Amino acid sequence: MTPLSFKRHRFPAEIIKHAAWLYARFTLSFRDVEDLLAERGIDVSNETVRRWFLKFGRLIAGNLRRSRPRASAHWHLDEMVIKIRGQKHWLWRAVDDEGQGLLGPAATLRQVG
């Protein structure tokens, strides 16, 4: 893990790390992170959360990526057919043996016919 320096910040390092982690880990807005921290009694603005993420986000996201377990060597292709406006479309995604998407939430959509 890359060491981070939180000198000259008003809030403790744990709060800054947690706010940046919430934003990087989940699909939350800066205002959502502000609300979650407010529920815990921490009064911080969404602009402050944005600045923290701009400053520390890349390092925290990199640490998250490195701490994630590696994908299994065994994987398969999930596919399904959906109809959009009466036309069939095929949807594919690569999944390892534990059901985790190998490319994240991305999937490939291809029109048939």
Protein backbone atom coordinates (compact mmCIF):
# COMPACT_ATOMS: atom_id res chain seq x y z
CA MET A 1 0.00 0.00 0.00
CA THR A 2 1.15 3.50 -0.81
CA PRO A 3 1.62 5.64 2.32
CA LEU A 4 -0.49 8.80 2.46
CA SER A 5 0.31 12.04 4.30
CA PHE A 6 -2.59 13.96 5.85
CA LYS A 7 -0.60 16.82 7.37
CA ARG A 8 -2.24 20.26 7.57
CA HIS A 9 -5.79 18.85 7.37
CA ARG A 10 -8.45 19.75 9.90
CA PHE A 11 -10.06 16.32 9.99
CA PRO A 12 -8.34 13.12 11.14
CA ALA A 13 -6.86 10.86 8.50
CA GLU A 14 -9.44 8.13 9.19
CA ILE A 15 -12.33 10.42 8.21
CA ILE A 16 -10.60 11.60 5.03
CA LYS A 17 -9.74 8.03 4.04
CA HIS A 18 -13.28 6.85 4.76
CA ALA A 19 -14.87 9.65 2.71
CA ALA A 20 -12.58 9.01 -0.27
CA TRP A 21 -13.09 5.25 0.09
CA LEU A 22 -16.89 5.65 0.07
CA TYR A 23 -16.73 7.68 -3.13
CA ALA A 24 -14.25 5.33 -4.84
CA ARG A 25 -15.83 2.05 -3.75
CA PHE A 26 -19.53 2.74 -4.29
CA THR A 27 -21.43 4.69 -6.94
CA LEU A 28 -22.08 7.68 -4.71
CA SER A 29 -22.04 11.40 -5.39
CA PHE A 30 -20.06 13.82 -3.25
CA ARG A 31 -23.38 14.92 -1.72
CA ASP A 32 -24.19 11.30 -0.84
CA VAL A 33 -20.86 10.97 0.94
CA GLU A 34 -21.56 14.27 2.72
CA ASP A 35 -24.93 12.86 3.90
CA LEU A 36 -23.39 9.59 5.09
CA LEU A 37 -20.79 11.46 7.10
CA ALA A 38 -23.47 13.80 8.50
CA GLU A 39 -25.37 10.73 9.77
CA ARG A 40 -22.28 9.90 11.79
CA GLY A 41 -22.07 13.43 13.18
CA ILE A 42 -19.29 14.68 10.90
CA ASP A 43 -20.10 18.10 9.44
CA VAL A 44 -18.28 18.32 6.12
CA SER A 45 -19.32 19.89 2.80
CA ASN A 46 -19.52 18.05 -0.48
CA GLU A 47 -16.89 20.45 -1.85
CA THR A 48 -14.47 19.31 0.86
CA VAL A 49 -15.14 15.67 -0.02
CA ARG A 50 -14.48 16.52 -3.68
CA ARG A 51 -11.15 18.17 -2.81
CA TRP A 52 -10.15 15.20 -0.65
CA PHE A 53 -10.93 12.84 -3.49
CA LEU A 54 -8.99 14.93 -6.01
CA LYS A 55 -6.00 14.92 -3.67
CA PHE A 56 -6.10 11.35 -2.26
CA GLY A 57 -8.56 9.51 -4.51
CA ARG A 58 -6.10 8.09 -7.02
CA LEU A 59 -3.91 6.60 -4.28
CA ILE A 60 -6.87 5.21 -2.33
CA ALA A 61 -8.43 3.75 -5.49
CA GLY A 62 -5.07 2.17 -6.38
CA ASN A 63 -4.81 0.66 -2.90
CA LEU A 64 -8.36 -0.71 -3.29
CA ARG A 65 -7.48 -2.25 -6.64
CA ARG A 66 -4.34 -3.89 -5.26
CA SER A 67 -6.14 -5.29 -2.22
CA ARG A 68 -8.87 -6.88 -4.36
CA PRO A 69 -8.55 -10.64 -4.81
CA ARG A 70 -7.33 -11.76 -8.20
CA ALA A 71 -9.82 -13.17 -10.65
CA SER A 72 -9.96 -16.92 -10.91
CA ALA A 73 -8.37 -18.66 -13.87
CA HIS A 74 -11.72 -20.31 -14.61
CA TRP A 75 -14.30 -18.10 -16.27
CA HIS A 76 -17.23 -18.32 -18.63
CA LEU A 77 -19.30 -16.07 -20.82
CA ASP A 78 -22.78 -15.13 -19.61
CA GLU A 79 -25.16 -14.27 -22.38
CA MET A 80 -28.78 -13.32 -22.64
CA VAL A 81 -31.18 -12.09 -25.29
CA ILE A 82 -33.27 -8.99 -24.66
CA LYS A 83 -35.85 -7.29 -26.82
CA ILE A 84 -35.71 -3.54 -27.31
CA ARG A 85 -38.55 -2.11 -29.40
CA GLY A 86 -39.23 -5.53 -30.85
CA GLN A 87 -35.63 -6.17 -31.95
CA LYS A 88 -33.50 -8.89 -30.37
CA HIS A 89 -30.17 -7.89 -28.83
CA TRP A 90 -27.52 -10.20 -27.31
CA LEU A 91 -25.87 -9.14 -24.05
CA TRP A 92 -22.54 -10.73 -23.03
CA ARG A 93 -20.25 -10.43 -20.02
CA ALA A 94 -17.23 -12.40 -18.81
CA VAL A 95 -17.72 -13.93 -15.34
CA ASP A 96 -15.28 -15.88 -13.16
CA ASP A 97 -16.29 -19.04 -11.27
CA GLU A 98 -17.41 -16.96 -8.24
CA GLY A 99 -19.81 -14.83 -10.30
CA GLN A 100 -17.68 -11.66 -10.35
CA GLY A 101 -17.60 -9.74 -13.63
CA LEU A 102 -14.06 -9.66 -15.01
CA LEU A 103 -14.53 -6.27 -16.66
CA GLY A 104 -16.55 -4.69 -13.89
CA PRO A 105 -20.11 -3.68 -14.68
CA ALA A 106 -19.35 -3.36 -18.40
CA ALA A 107 -21.13 -5.63 -20.82
CA THR A 108 -21.26 -5.89 -24.57
CA LEU A 109 -24.54 -5.34 -26.41
CA ARG A 110 -24.91 -6.49 -29.99
CA GLN A 111 -27.95 -6.16 -32.21
CA VAL A 112 -29.09 -9.30 -33.98
CA GLY A 113 -30.62 -9.22 -37.41
